[in-house]
Amino acid sequence: MGLEKMKADVVVVGAGGAGLAAAIAAQENGARVLLVEKRRMAGGNTSLAQAFFAAESPAQKRLGIDAPRDVLFKMAMDYAHWTINPRLLRAFIDRSGDTVGWLEDLGLEKITNIPPFYPRQVIRTFHYPSGGGAAVVKLLEQTCRERGIMLLRQTAATRLAMDASGGVSGVIAVEKSGEELRLEGRSVVIA
């Protein structure tokens, strides 16, 4: 028996916070999306989180907290002795505030709690949403459902599918029942 095939523009592997957000972002940009999760429930470690980092977020602006991206970038690079990828860190910091705004636009309760993470913290960056990471996951999962993003639960991605020229053409996954699926997509996001 051959593999059952499913097609999308984008296949996202992992339905934690990053995968759920990636699926929604791809859908917002016009893609048909398949999301595959090996566990019974979505959320991953994001469900356990209490807070997340952001710089220059709408919440910080509402609360009068100055959290300049350039200063935070330099602090993080100095802390890591400039041994981490600066382009990756820069992208993370530069988009973090926009991500808070995006989550609030999706319906996350406005964040009003950004206390110091440690005593005498000068720049407050840790955003504590009401309900923690579980509330963020609930919102993202609900948004996926409302937008028709298919989430295949208890389906483990086992390997990337390759086309004849050696390019990635999707994902081979196995359902809990043991049945193999070929999830075809122009792009694959491993989250």
Protein backbone atom coordinates (compact mmCIF):
# COMPACT_ATOMS: atom_id res chain seq x y z
CA MET A 1 0.00 0.00 0.00
CA GLY A 2 1.37 3.45 -0.95
CA LEU A 3 1.66 6.50 1.20
CA GLU A 4 -1.46 8.57 1.70
CA LYS A 5 -0.72 12.02 0.24
CA MET A 6 -1.81 15.42 1.52
CA LYS A 7 -0.81 18.70 -0.11
CA ALA A 8 -0.28 22.21 1.17
CA ASP A 9 1.90 25.19 0.40
CA VAL A 10 3.62 24.99 3.78
CA VAL A 11 4.04 22.03 6.13
CA VAL A 12 4.86 22.98 9.73
CA VAL A 13 6.38 20.30 11.96
CA GLY A 14 5.62 20.84 15.65
CA ALA A 15 2.55 22.52 17.15
CA GLY A 16 4.22 24.27 20.06
CA GLY A 17 4.12 28.03 20.34
CA ALA A 18 6.59 28.52 17.46
CA GLY A 19 4.85 26.06 15.14
CA LEU A 20 1.36 27.41 15.82
CA ALA A 21 2.58 30.97 15.23
CA ALA A 22 4.44 29.93 12.05
CA ALA A 23 1.30 28.24 10.70
CA ILE A 24 -0.82 31.34 11.34
CA ALA A 25 1.80 33.67 9.84
CA ALA A 26 2.05 31.50 6.71
CA GLN A 27 -1.75 31.46 6.40
CA GLU A 28 -1.86 35.25 6.82
CA ASN A 29 0.49 35.46 3.83
CA GLY A 30 -1.83 33.38 1.67
CA ALA A 31 -0.45 29.87 2.14
CA ARG A 32 -2.43 26.67 2.61
CA VAL A 33 -0.91 25.12 5.73
CA LEU A 34 -0.65 21.65 7.25
CA LEU A 35 0.52 21.45 10.86
CA VAL A 36 1.77 18.13 12.23
CA GLU A 37 2.22 17.33 15.94
CA LYS A 38 3.46 14.05 17.39
CA ARG A 39 1.69 14.52 20.72
CA ARG A 40 -2.01 14.40 21.51
CA MET A 41 -2.06 18.05 22.52
CA ALA A 42 -0.58 21.16 20.96
CA GLY A 43 1.49 23.63 22.93
CA GLY A 44 4.77 21.94 23.81
CA ASN A 45 6.91 23.85 26.28
CA THR A 46 5.05 27.08 25.56
CA SER A 47 2.13 25.68 27.57
CA LEU A 48 4.39 25.63 30.63
CA ALA A 49 5.86 29.10 30.18
CA GLN A 50 4.89 31.92 32.48
CA ALA A 51 6.46 34.82 30.59
CA PHE A 52 8.30 35.75 27.42
CA PHE A 53 10.88 38.32 26.37
CA ALA A 54 10.16 41.37 24.24
CA ALA A 55 11.80 44.70 23.45
CA GLU A 56 9.95 47.88 22.50
CA SER A 57 6.57 46.12 22.72
CA PRO A 58 3.21 47.88 22.78
CA ALA A 59 2.82 46.68 26.38
CA GLN A 60 6.11 48.28 27.41
CA LYS A 61 5.11 51.50 25.68
CA ARG A 62 1.72 51.51 27.47
CA LEU A 63 3.49 51.02 30.81
CA GLY A 64 6.19 53.63 30.14
CA ILE A 65 9.00 51.03 30.13
CA ASP A 66 12.01 51.93 28.02
CA ALA A 67 13.44 48.71 26.54
CA PRO A 68 15.64 49.74 23.59
CA ARG A 69 16.45 46.96 21.16
CA ASP A 70 20.00 48.17 20.51
CA VAL A 71 20.88 48.23 24.22
CA LEU A 72 19.36 44.79 24.81
CA PHE A 73 21.21 43.36 21.81
CA LYS A 74 24.55 44.63 23.12
CA MET A 75 23.80 43.37 26.63
CA ALA A 76 22.96 39.88 25.34
CA MET A 77 26.01 39.73 23.08
CA ASP A 78 28.29 40.90 25.89
CA TYR A 79 26.75 38.33 28.25
CA ALA A 80 27.49 35.59 25.70
CA HIS A 81 31.00 36.96 25.04
CA TRP A 82 30.00 37.51 21.40
CA THR A 83 29.99 33.73 20.81
CA ILE A 84 26.38 33.48 19.58
CA ASN A 85 25.07 34.27 16.11
CA PRO A 86 24.54 38.05 16.14
CA ARG A 87 22.23 38.08 13.10
CA LEU A 88 19.93 35.52 14.66
CA LEU A 89 19.86 37.33 18.01
CA ARG A 90 19.29 40.67 16.30
CA ALA A 91 16.32 39.29 14.36
CA PHE A 92 14.86 37.77 17.53
CA ILE A 93 15.15 41.01 19.50
CA ASP A 94 14.00 43.25 16.64
CA ARG A 95 10.79 41.22 16.04
CA SER A 96 9.95 40.50 19.68
CA GLY A 97 7.95 43.67 20.28
CA ASP A 98 6.00 43.22 17.05
CA THR A 99 5.15 39.69 18.18
CA VAL A 100 3.50 41.04 21.34
CA GLY A 101 1.41 43.40 19.21
CA TRP A 102 0.51 40.56 16.84
CA LEU A 103 -0.63 38.34 19.72
CA GLU A 104 -2.72 41.16 21.18
CA ASP A 105 -4.24 41.80 17.73
CA LEU A 106 -5.19 38.10 17.57
CA GLY A 107 -7.04 38.51 20.86
CA LEU A 108 -4.55 37.98 23.67
CA GLU A 109 -5.60 39.99 26.70
CA LYS A 110 -3.51 43.17 26.83
CA ILE A 111 -0.36 42.51 28.82
CA THR A 112 -0.17 44.68 31.93
CA ASN A 113 2.40 42.73 33.96
CA ILE A 114 6.09 43.33 33.16
CA PRO A 115 7.79 43.22 36.57
CA PRO A 116 11.54 42.89 37.10
CA PHE A 117 12.68 39.33 36.42
CA TYR A 118 15.45 39.61 38.99
CA PRO A 119 16.15 42.18 41.76
CA ARG A 120 17.25 45.61 40.51
CA GLN A 121 16.68 44.68 36.85
CA VAL A 122 17.10 47.95 34.97
CA ILE A 123 15.33 47.11 31.70
CA ARG A 124 12.13 45.14 32.26
CA THR A 125 11.59 42.73 29.36
CA PHE A 126 9.63 39.72 30.63
CA HIS A 127 5.96 39.90 29.66
CA TYR A 128 3.56 37.89 31.85
CA PRO A 129 0.31 37.34 29.93
CA SER A 130 -2.79 36.57 31.94
CA GLY A 131 -2.98 32.77 31.99
CA GLY A 132 0.69 32.38 31.04
CA GLY A 133 1.87 30.37 28.07
CA ALA A 134 -1.21 28.14 28.25
CA ALA A 135 -3.37 31.16 27.34
CA VAL A 136 -1.09 31.96 24.40
CA VAL A 137 -1.31 28.36 23.14
CA LYS A 138 -5.09 28.34 23.54
CA LEU A 139 -5.36 31.53 21.49
CA LEU A 140 -3.01 30.28 18.75
CA GLU A 141 -4.73 26.90 18.52
CA GLN A 142 -8.16 28.55 18.37
CA THR A 143 -6.91 30.89 15.64
CA CYS A 144 -5.63 27.92 13.62
CA ARG A 145 -9.01 26.21 13.95
CA GLU A 146 -10.94 29.35 12.96
CA ARG A 147 -8.74 29.86 9.91
CA GLY A 148 -8.99 26.30 8.68
CA ILE A 149 -5.38 25.31 9.34
CA MET A 150 -5.34 21.52 9.53
CA LEU A 151 -3.60 20.16 12.63
CA LEU A 152 -2.69 16.47 12.48
CA ARG A 153 -2.28 15.30 16.07
CA GLN A 154 -0.47 12.15 17.17
CA THR A 155 1.33 12.20 13.86
CA ALA A 156 5.13 12.17 14.03
CA ALA A 157 7.23 13.61 11.23
CA THR A 158 9.93 11.02 10.61
CA ARG A 159 11.91 12.51 7.74
CA LEU A 160 11.94 15.13 5.03
CA ALA A 161 10.57 14.10 1.63
CA MET A 162 12.90 14.86 -1.26
CA ASP A 163 12.14 15.44 -4.94
CA ALA A 164 14.15 13.99 -7.85
CA SER A 165 16.61 16.91 -7.81
CA GLY A 166 17.34 16.52 -4.09
CA GLY A 167 15.20 19.43 -2.92
CA VAL A 168 12.82 19.24 0.03
CA SER A 169 9.27 18.52 -1.15
CA GLY A 170 7.51 17.85 2.14
CA VAL A 171 7.52 15.52 5.11
CA ILE A 172 6.96 11.82 5.66
CA ALA A 173 4.94 11.31 8.84
CA VAL A 174 3.50 8.37 10.74
CA GLU A 175 0.10 8.45 12.41
CA LYS A 176 -0.50 6.79 15.78
CA SER A 177 -2.14 3.91 13.87
CA GLY A 178 1.16 3.31 12.06
CA GLU A 179 -0.08 4.59 8.70
CA GLU A 180 2.48 6.65 6.77
CA LEU A 181 1.57 9.97 5.24
CA ARG A 182 3.36 12.05 2.63
CA LEU A 183 2.70 15.70 3.46
CA GLU A 184 3.70 17.58 0.33
CA GLY A 185 4.56 21.26 0.49
CA ARG A 186 6.63 23.88 -1.30
CA SER A 187 8.10 24.83 2.08
CA VAL A 188 8.71 23.00 5.36
CA VAL A 189 9.09 24.72 8.71
CA ILE A 190 10.63 22.62 11.48
CA ALA A 191 9.47 24.17 14.72
